[in-house]
Amino acid sequence: MGKGKMQGNTVVKAMAAIAVLIFISALALTVYRSGGAALNWQMGADDPLKKIYPSDDGLYVVGTSNISLVDAAGKTLWSIPFPNTAQSAYINGRLLVYSQSSGLNAVGADGTLKALTRQSMNYPPTAGPDDTILIRSYDLLSAIDLSGREQWNASGLVSDPVMDGNGNVYFFTRPPEHMVDVYLDCISPGGSLRWSIQYPGYDSTTKLKAARDDGVYVYDEPGGVLDCLSSYGNVRWDHTMPYLGQYSLVEDEHHWLYMFYMFGTVHVVNEQGTLIGKFNPAMTYGANLSYMPSVCNGTIYVAGDSGKNATALYALSIDGSLKWKHTFNGSASPAIYAGKDIVCIGADTKNGPVLYVVDSLQGDLIFTYNSGDGSGWEQVYIDENDTIYAKTCGGMLYALKG
């Protein structure tokens, strides 16, 4: 009889233990889908990530020790050792990686490495439509082809080179015989100097941005400068407005340029230099244009302060009219990442870095996700299926779906 009681007690204890386990599992699932977000998969715990690059083949992941190609389900299609990657870029459907020990390599879609050059470089590589690859090391520039053979070189650079849609290369130089002067140079696709123009307005904040087809944009965000030059060296148009103060430059999928001036005005200019939009969301809505804005599918996203430890996200039309507004918790400058159907806002809160995800049409909150490693968001990419790939400053990658 006593033995039966002992067995009965054991059964009761076992059932109680199972109930506790079920409760814990349910609690864990609740945390797993915290805020309505499902963590599809994650990576980076064993090999912290440096960069992610979306492609038609999958997601290229550059880690501290390895380079991998991952599909949408998180399956590693291949992984190759490549330690201490210092520079990387994904251009024209090709991943380029550089380390001091291995030089510059092109990574094939099947994971094969093709060594291109052992030249040193301390800037990310760039390339143009003719597959010419530009390598910069301090003030030296070298143009190589896909076999690694040098096509031409230049020296005296004081800016990053850019290449327009026709293969012309632009950069600022300071020739040794004219150390006080700065010139804007244009090199043809064949490597010959097309022209060199003295640029007295050059400053350390002056930058270049390649035009889609032909020419180059010269801009200085702190100085309010924005010019468009043709490949012949002629000024196509000038939208320099220093009296409006410093601005941030954003280009959309139509190649329109948006100038978000810190004093509160937004200017929208098309490729011909025509002003097609002008409004002031700071005055109208209280937006803070020092926060990182975003543009996608004809909608302009800006943020602003909304009381203590709160931030508002505004979705605006090109004429400045309000589509919707959403307020969320956030105590630091938010960053906005816009996709086709959803918008992500990375913000610091009292509970750590959080990613807020809202519907781009109505502005409704879909879900939130707390950074798993406690560090902020460094890269956020939204694919065509609204899966979010969010990489933290700590090297973790989270694939999220609402």
Protein backbone atom coordinates (compact mmCIF):
# COMPACT_ATOMS: atom_id res chain seq x y z
CA MET A 1 0.00 0.00 0.00
CA GLY A 2 2.84 2.36 0.87
CA LYS A 3 4.53 1.45 -2.36
CA GLY A 4 1.36 2.44 -4.26
CA LYS A 5 1.30 5.83 -2.50
CA MET A 6 4.92 6.36 -3.43
CA GLN A 7 4.14 5.55 -7.05
CA GLY A 8 1.14 7.89 -6.97
CA ASN A 9 3.26 10.72 -5.55
CA THR A 10 5.87 10.10 -8.21
CA VAL A 11 3.23 10.36 -10.94
CA VAL A 12 1.88 13.60 -9.44
CA LYS A 13 5.39 15.07 -9.25
CA ALA A 14 6.12 13.99 -12.82
CA MET A 15 2.89 15.58 -14.05
CA ALA A 16 3.71 18.76 -12.17
CA ALA A 17 7.20 18.80 -13.68
CA ILE A 18 5.74 18.36 -17.17
CA ALA A 19 3.30 21.21 -16.51
CA VAL A 20 6.19 23.46 -15.48
CA LEU A 21 8.12 22.50 -18.60
CA ILE A 22 5.11 23.25 -20.79
CA PHE A 23 4.73 26.65 -19.07
CA ILE A 24 8.42 27.44 -19.55
CA SER A 25 8.24 26.37 -23.21
CA ALA A 26 5.20 28.59 -23.77
CA LEU A 27 6.98 31.48 -22.08
CA ALA A 28 10.03 30.91 -24.26
CA LEU A 29 7.83 30.92 -27.36
CA THR A 30 6.28 34.20 -26.24
CA VAL A 31 9.72 35.76 -25.91
CA TYR A 32 10.73 34.24 -29.25
CA ARG A 33 7.84 36.06 -30.91
CA SER A 34 8.16 39.13 -28.73
CA GLY A 35 6.12 41.99 -30.16
CA GLY A 36 4.68 39.78 -32.91
CA ALA A 37 8.04 39.17 -34.61
CA ALA A 38 9.24 35.71 -35.53
CA LEU A 39 12.96 35.12 -35.49
CA ASN A 40 13.39 32.92 -38.56
CA TRP A 41 17.09 32.35 -37.93
CA GLN A 42 20.22 34.04 -36.68
CA MET A 43 23.97 33.79 -37.19
CA GLY A 44 27.17 35.45 -36.02
CA ALA A 45 27.63 33.93 -32.55
CA ASP A 46 30.63 31.84 -33.63
CA ASP A 47 31.93 34.16 -36.37
CA PRO A 48 30.88 37.82 -35.84
CA LEU A 49 29.71 39.40 -39.08
CA LYS A 50 31.19 42.48 -40.72
CA LYS A 51 28.93 43.02 -43.73
CA ILE A 52 25.91 41.53 -45.49
CA TYR A 53 25.15 41.89 -49.21
CA PRO A 54 21.82 40.85 -50.78
CA SER A 55 22.01 39.26 -54.22
CA ASP A 56 20.00 37.14 -56.65
CA ASP A 57 21.93 34.10 -55.41
CA GLY A 58 21.12 34.67 -51.75
CA LEU A 59 22.62 36.70 -48.93
CA TYR A 60 26.39 37.08 -48.97
CA VAL A 61 27.73 37.22 -45.42
CA VAL A 62 31.23 38.49 -44.68
CA GLY A 63 32.36 37.29 -41.28
CA THR A 64 35.48 37.76 -39.24
CA SER A 65 36.89 34.42 -40.42
CA ASN A 66 34.62 33.17 -43.24
CA ILE A 67 32.56 34.26 -46.22
CA SER A 68 29.23 32.50 -46.73
CA LEU A 69 26.21 32.43 -48.99
CA VAL A 70 22.94 31.93 -47.12
CA ASP A 71 19.47 31.34 -48.55
CA ALA A 72 16.20 32.85 -47.30
CA ALA A 73 15.65 29.93 -44.91
CA GLY A 74 19.01 30.50 -43.24
CA LYS A 75 20.66 27.47 -44.86
CA THR A 76 24.35 27.96 -45.56
CA LEU A 77 24.85 27.07 -49.24
CA TRP A 78 28.61 27.32 -48.89
CA SER A 79 31.21 28.81 -46.59
CA ILE A 80 34.88 29.47 -47.31
CA PRO A 81 37.65 30.63 -44.98
CA PHE A 82 38.77 34.22 -45.55
CA PRO A 83 40.12 35.69 -42.31
CA ASN A 84 40.58 39.36 -41.47
CA THR A 85 38.55 40.92 -44.28
CA ALA A 86 39.46 44.61 -44.30
CA GLN A 87 37.46 45.83 -47.32
CA SER A 88 34.52 44.44 -49.25
CA ALA A 89 31.95 45.50 -51.83
CA TYR A 90 29.18 43.93 -53.91
CA ILE A 91 29.16 45.52 -57.38
CA ASN A 92 27.56 44.45 -60.66
CA GLY A 93 26.59 41.07 -59.25
CA ARG A 94 30.09 40.35 -57.98
CA LEU A 95 31.42 40.18 -54.40
CA LEU A 96 34.90 41.63 -53.93
CA VAL A 97 36.83 41.03 -50.69
CA TYR A 98 40.25 42.21 -49.55
CA SER A 99 42.57 41.27 -46.73
CA GLN A 100 46.18 42.22 -46.21
CA SER A 101 47.30 38.59 -46.35
CA SER A 102 45.22 37.46 -49.34
CA GLY A 103 44.91 40.64 -51.40
CA LEU A 104 41.82 41.45 -53.48
CA ASN A 105 39.67 38.47 -54.53
CA ALA A 106 36.47 38.04 -56.51
CA VAL A 107 34.05 35.55 -54.95
CA GLY A 108 32.08 33.40 -57.37
CA ALA A 109 28.44 32.38 -56.86
CA ASP A 110 29.71 28.85 -56.15
CA GLY A 111 32.14 30.04 -53.47
CA THR A 112 35.30 29.93 -55.56
CA LEU A 113 37.92 32.60 -54.96
CA LYS A 114 39.69 34.33 -57.83
CA ALA A 115 42.78 36.30 -56.83
CA LEU A 116 42.93 39.65 -58.64
CA THR A 117 45.81 41.63 -57.14
CA ARG A 118 48.06 41.88 -54.11
CA GLN A 119 48.03 45.67 -54.20
CA SER A 120 47.31 47.23 -50.84
CA MET A 121 44.10 49.19 -50.40
CA ASN A 122 42.57 51.10 -47.51
CA TYR A 123 39.26 52.01 -49.16
CA PRO A 124 36.49 49.74 -50.46
CA PRO A 125 36.87 48.84 -54.16
CA THR A 126 34.46 50.23 -56.74
CA ALA A 127 33.61 49.25 -60.30
CA GLY A 128 31.75 50.45 -63.35
CA PRO A 129 29.63 49.06 -66.17
CA ASP A 130 32.68 47.79 -68.08
CA ASP A 131 33.83 45.77 -65.03
CA THR A 132 36.87 47.96 -64.48
CA ILE A 133 37.73 47.76 -60.77
CA LEU A 134 39.14 50.82 -59.01
CA ILE A 135 41.53 50.30 -56.11
CA ARG A 136 42.58 53.18 -53.88
CA SER A 137 45.46 53.16 -51.43
CA TYR A 138 45.88 56.57 -49.78
CA ASP A 139 46.54 58.99 -52.70
CA LEU A 140 47.19 56.26 -55.28
CA LEU A 141 44.55 54.89 -57.66
CA SER A 142 44.84 51.79 -59.83
CA ALA A 143 42.32 50.55 -62.40
CA ILE A 144 42.41 46.80 -63.06
CA ASP A 145 40.36 44.41 -65.22
CA LEU A 146 38.82 41.11 -64.12
CA SER A 147 42.08 39.30 -64.76
CA GLY A 148 43.85 41.61 -62.30
CA ARG A 149 45.89 43.35 -65.01
CA GLU A 150 46.39 47.08 -64.40
CA GLN A 151 44.81 49.30 -67.05
CA TRP A 152 45.96 52.68 -65.79
CA ASN A 153 46.87 54.49 -62.58
CA ALA A 154 46.81 57.96 -61.05
CA SER A 155 48.28 59.69 -58.01
CA GLY A 156 47.62 62.68 -55.80
CA LEU A 157 44.03 61.68 -54.95
CA VAL A 158 42.26 63.49 -52.13
CA SER A 159 38.83 61.91 -52.69
CA ASP A 160 37.22 58.57 -53.47
CA PRO A 161 36.84 57.90 -57.21
CA VAL A 162 33.40 57.43 -58.77
CA MET A 163 32.44 56.01 -62.17
CA ASP A 164 29.44 57.15 -64.23
CA GLY A 165 27.23 54.93 -66.38
CA ASN A 166 29.49 55.39 -69.41
CA GLY A 167 32.65 54.31 -67.58
CA ASN A 168 34.18 57.77 -67.01
CA VAL A 169 36.04 58.08 -63.71
CA TYR A 170 36.06 61.25 -61.58
CA PHE A 171 38.19 62.20 -58.58
CA PHE A 172 39.81 65.18 -56.86
CA THR A 173 43.60 65.51 -56.94
CA ARG A 174 46.22 67.76 -55.41
CA PRO A 175 49.23 67.63 -57.76
CA PRO A 176 52.65 67.84 -56.07
CA GLU A 177 53.54 70.89 -58.19
CA HIS A 178 50.35 72.67 -57.03
CA MET A 179 49.94 71.61 -53.41
CA VAL A 180 47.66 74.54 -52.57
CA ASP A 181 45.32 73.82 -55.47
CA VAL A 182 42.78 71.03 -55.93
CA TYR A 183 41.64 69.78 -59.35
CA LEU A 184 38.66 67.70 -60.46
CA ASP A 185 39.87 65.13 -63.01
CA CYS A 186 37.93 63.02 -65.48
CA ILE A 187 39.48 59.85 -66.92
CA SER A 188 37.96 58.15 -69.98
CA PRO A 189 37.13 54.42 -69.96
CA GLY A 190 40.35 53.84 -71.87
CA GLY A 191 42.42 55.53 -69.17
CA SER A 192 43.23 58.86 -70.85
CA LEU A 193 42.75 62.21 -69.12
CA ARG A 194 39.67 63.90 -70.56
CA TRP A 195 39.98 67.07 -68.54
CA SER A 196 41.29 68.55 -65.29
CA ILE A 197 39.52 71.57 -63.79
CA GLN A 198 40.78 73.62 -60.89
CA TYR A 199 38.18 73.49 -58.12
CA PRO A 200 38.79 76.37 -55.68
CA GLY A 201 35.70 75.53 -53.63
CA TYR A 202 37.06 72.14 -52.55
CA ASP A 203 36.87 71.30 -48.86
CA SER A 204 37.49 68.11 -46.92
CA THR A 205 33.71 67.61 -46.86
CA THR A 206 33.33 67.92 -50.66
CA LYS A 207 32.22 64.62 -52.21
CA LEU A 208 31.47 63.12 -55.62
CA LYS A 209 28.49 61.04 -56.71
CA ALA A 210 28.30 59.46 -60.16
CA ALA A 211 25.37 60.28 -62.40
CA ARG A 212 23.39 57.34 -63.74
CA ASP A 213 24.36 57.80 -67.42
CA ASP A 214 26.90 60.55 -67.91
CA GLY A 215 28.49 63.05 -65.57
CA VAL A 216 29.06 63.59 -61.88
CA TYR A 217 27.45 65.35 -58.93
CA VAL A 218 29.74 67.52 -56.81
CA TYR A 219 28.25 68.12 -53.39
CA ASP A 220 29.24 69.50 -50.01
CA GLU A 221 26.57 68.81 -47.42
CA PRO A 222 27.89 71.19 -44.71
CA GLY A 223 28.42 73.95 -47.31
CA GLY A 224 25.09 73.56 -49.10
CA VAL A 225 26.78 72.87 -52.47
CA LEU A 226 25.26 70.68 -55.21
CA ASP A 227 26.41 70.85 -58.86
CA CYS A 228 26.02 68.51 -61.81
CA LEU A 229 28.85 68.36 -64.35
CA SER A 230 28.84 66.55 -67.69
CA SER A 231 31.64 64.24 -68.84
CA TYR A 232 32.86 67.22 -70.93
CA GLY A 233 33.42 69.30 -67.79
CA ASN A 234 30.47 71.64 -68.34
CA VAL A 235 28.12 72.60 -65.49
CA ARG A 236 24.73 71.13 -66.38
CA TRP A 237 22.95 72.65 -63.42
CA ASP A 238 23.69 74.18 -60.02
CA HIS A 239 21.51 73.81 -56.95
CA THR A 240 23.91 75.37 -54.45
CA MET A 241 22.05 77.09 -51.60
CA PRO A 242 24.40 77.76 -48.67
CA TYR A 243 21.87 80.03 -46.95
CA LEU A 244 19.70 76.97 -46.23
CA GLY A 245 22.51 75.45 -44.19
CA GLN A 246 23.83 71.91 -43.98
CA TYR A 247 21.88 69.10 -45.61
CA SER A 248 21.81 65.31 -46.05
CA LEU A 249 21.67 63.94 -49.60
CA VAL A 250 19.47 60.93 -50.46
CA GLU A 251 18.87 59.39 -53.90
CA ASP A 252 15.74 57.34 -54.66
CA GLU A 253 15.04 54.54 -57.16
CA HIS A 254 14.12 57.15 -59.82
CA HIS A 255 17.51 58.85 -59.32
CA TRP A 256 15.87 61.93 -57.89
CA LEU A 257 17.94 63.77 -55.32
CA TYR A 258 16.54 64.82 -51.94
CA MET A 259 18.25 67.51 -49.86
CA PHE A 260 17.18 67.38 -46.22
CA TYR A 261 18.37 70.73 -44.85
CA MET A 262 19.00 70.80 -41.12
CA PHE A 263 17.05 74.06 -40.77
CA GLY A 264 13.92 72.15 -41.82
CA THR A 265 13.47 72.49 -45.60
CA VAL A 266 13.40 69.60 -48.08
CA HIS A 267 14.22 70.08 -51.78
CA VAL A 268 13.60 67.39 -54.42
CA VAL A 269 15.53 67.69 -57.70
CA ASN A 270 15.25 65.42 -60.74
CA GLU A 271 18.16 64.38 -62.99
CA GLN A 272 17.70 67.50 -65.13
CA GLY A 273 18.13 69.73 -62.08
CA THR A 274 14.48 70.78 -61.97
CA LEU A 275 13.06 71.46 -58.52
CA ILE A 276 10.03 69.17 -58.34
CA GLY A 277 9.37 69.28 -54.60
CA LYS A 278 9.85 71.81 -51.80
CA PHE A 279 8.38 71.75 -48.29
CA ASN A 280 9.29 72.22 -44.63
CA PRO A 281 8.34 69.25 -42.41
CA ALA A 282 10.15 70.79 -39.43
CA MET A 283 7.84 73.79 -39.41
CA THR A 284 4.71 71.88 -40.40
CA TYR A 285 5.04 68.73 -38.30
CA GLY A 286 8.01 69.21 -35.95
CA ALA A 287 10.33 66.83 -37.81
CA ASN A 288 14.03 66.83 -36.94
CA LEU A 289 16.00 66.56 -40.18
CA SER A 290 19.24 65.83 -38.35
CA TYR A 291 17.83 62.31 -37.92
CA MET A 292 18.55 59.90 -40.77
CA PRO A 293 15.71 60.14 -43.35
CA SER A 294 14.73 57.64 -46.03
CA VAL A 295 12.86 57.60 -49.35
CA CYS A 296 11.15 54.65 -51.06
CA ASN A 297 8.34 54.22 -53.60
CA GLY A 298 7.53 57.91 -53.68
CA THR A 299 7.20 58.22 -49.90
CA ILE A 300 9.52 60.35 -47.79
CA TYR A 301 10.15 59.23 -44.21
CA VAL A 302 11.40 61.66 -41.57
CA ALA A 303 11.45 61.50 -37.78
CA GLY A 304 10.97 64.03 -35.03
CA ASP A 305 10.90 64.30 -31.26
CA SER A 306 7.51 63.72 -29.65
CA GLY A 307 7.78 64.38 -25.95
CA LYS A 308 10.10 62.79 -23.41
CA ASN A 309 11.74 59.57 -24.65
CA ALA A 310 9.39 59.41 -27.65
CA THR A 311 9.90 59.82 -31.38
CA ALA A 312 7.43 60.31 -34.22
CA LEU A 313 7.79 58.86 -37.70
CA TYR A 314 6.19 60.84 -40.53
CA ALA A 315 5.38 59.48 -44.00
CA LEU A 316 5.12 62.33 -46.51
CA SER A 317 4.23 62.77 -50.17
CA ILE A 318 6.57 64.64 -52.51
CA ASP A 319 4.49 67.79 -51.97
CA GLY A 320 5.02 67.52 -48.21
CA SER A 321 1.48 66.39 -47.36
CA LEU A 322 1.16 63.93 -44.48
CA LYS A 323 0.26 60.31 -45.29
CA TRP A 324 0.48 59.07 -41.72
CA LYS A 325 2.27 59.50 -38.40
CA HIS A 326 3.35 56.89 -35.87
CA THR A 327 4.81 57.57 -32.41
CA PHE A 328 7.11 55.11 -30.64
CA ASN A 329 9.50 54.99 -27.68
CA GLY A 330 13.04 56.09 -28.42
CA SER A 331 15.57 58.18 -26.56
CA ALA A 332 18.23 58.60 -29.24
CA SER A 333 18.50 59.58 -32.91
CA PRO A 334 16.47 57.02 -34.87
CA ALA A 335 17.56 55.51 -38.18
CA ILE A 336 14.93 54.77 -40.85
CA TYR A 337 15.12 51.83 -43.28
CA ALA A 338 12.35 51.80 -45.89
CA GLY A 339 11.14 48.85 -47.95
CA LYS A 340 8.31 48.30 -50.41
CA ASP A 341 5.63 47.33 -47.88
CA ILE A 342 7.23 47.96 -44.48
CA VAL A 343 9.44 50.53 -42.78
CA CYS A 344 11.92 49.79 -40.00
CA ILE A 345 13.02 52.31 -37.38
CA GLY A 346 16.06 51.52 -35.31
CA ALA A 347 16.10 53.38 -31.99
CA ASP A 348 17.71 53.23 -28.58
CA THR A 349 15.30 52.80 -25.69
CA LYS A 350 15.67 52.30 -21.95
CA ASN A 351 15.44 48.55 -22.67
CA GLY A 352 18.22 48.69 -25.26
CA PRO A 353 18.23 48.99 -29.07
CA VAL A 354 14.86 48.16 -30.64
CA LEU A 355 13.72 47.72 -34.22
CA TYR A 356 10.18 49.01 -34.82
CA VAL A 357 8.45 47.68 -37.94
CA VAL A 358 5.42 49.50 -39.36
CA ASP A 359 3.20 49.11 -42.39
CA SER A 360 4.30 51.59 -45.07
CA LEU A 361 0.73 52.13 -46.32
CA GLN A 362 -1.09 52.99 -43.08
CA GLY A 363 1.70 53.36 -40.53
CA ASP A 364 0.34 50.64 -38.24
CA LEU A 365 2.85 48.94 -35.94
CA ILE A 366 3.44 45.34 -37.07
CA PHE A 367 6.01 44.21 -34.51
CA THR A 368 9.05 45.22 -32.49
CA TYR A 369 12.30 43.35 -31.93
CA ASN A 370 14.95 43.90 -29.28
CA SER A 371 18.58 43.58 -30.28
CA GLY A 372 19.68 40.12 -29.14
CA ASP A 373 23.25 41.09 -28.28
CA GLY A 374 22.44 44.50 -26.80
CA SER A 375 24.23 46.49 -29.51
CA GLY A 376 22.67 48.88 -32.01
CA TRP A 377 21.61 48.21 -35.59
CA GLU A 378 24.33 48.67 -38.21
CA GLN A 379 22.76 47.22 -41.37
CA VAL A 380 19.09 46.59 -42.10
CA TYR A 381 17.92 45.12 -45.40
CA ILE A 382 14.30 44.34 -46.36
CA ASP A 383 13.77 41.84 -49.18
CA GLU A 384 10.85 41.66 -51.63
CA ASN A 385 9.03 39.21 -49.33
CA ASP A 386 9.29 41.64 -46.38
CA THR A 387 11.81 39.50 -44.55
CA ILE A 388 14.12 41.76 -42.55
CA TYR A 389 17.83 41.04 -42.25
CA ALA A 390 19.12 43.11 -39.35
CA LYS A 391 22.82 43.13 -38.46
CA THR A 392 23.99 44.61 -35.18
CA CYS A 393 27.18 46.49 -34.41
CA GLY A 394 28.17 43.43 -32.37
CA GLY A 395 28.22 41.22 -35.46
CA MET A 396 24.94 39.30 -35.02
CA LEU A 397 22.46 38.85 -37.89
CA TYR A 398 18.74 38.30 -37.31
CA ALA A 399 16.25 37.29 -40.03
CA LEU A 400 12.83 38.54 -38.93
CA LYS A 401 9.32 38.09 -40.29
CA GLY A 402 6.08 39.48 -38.93
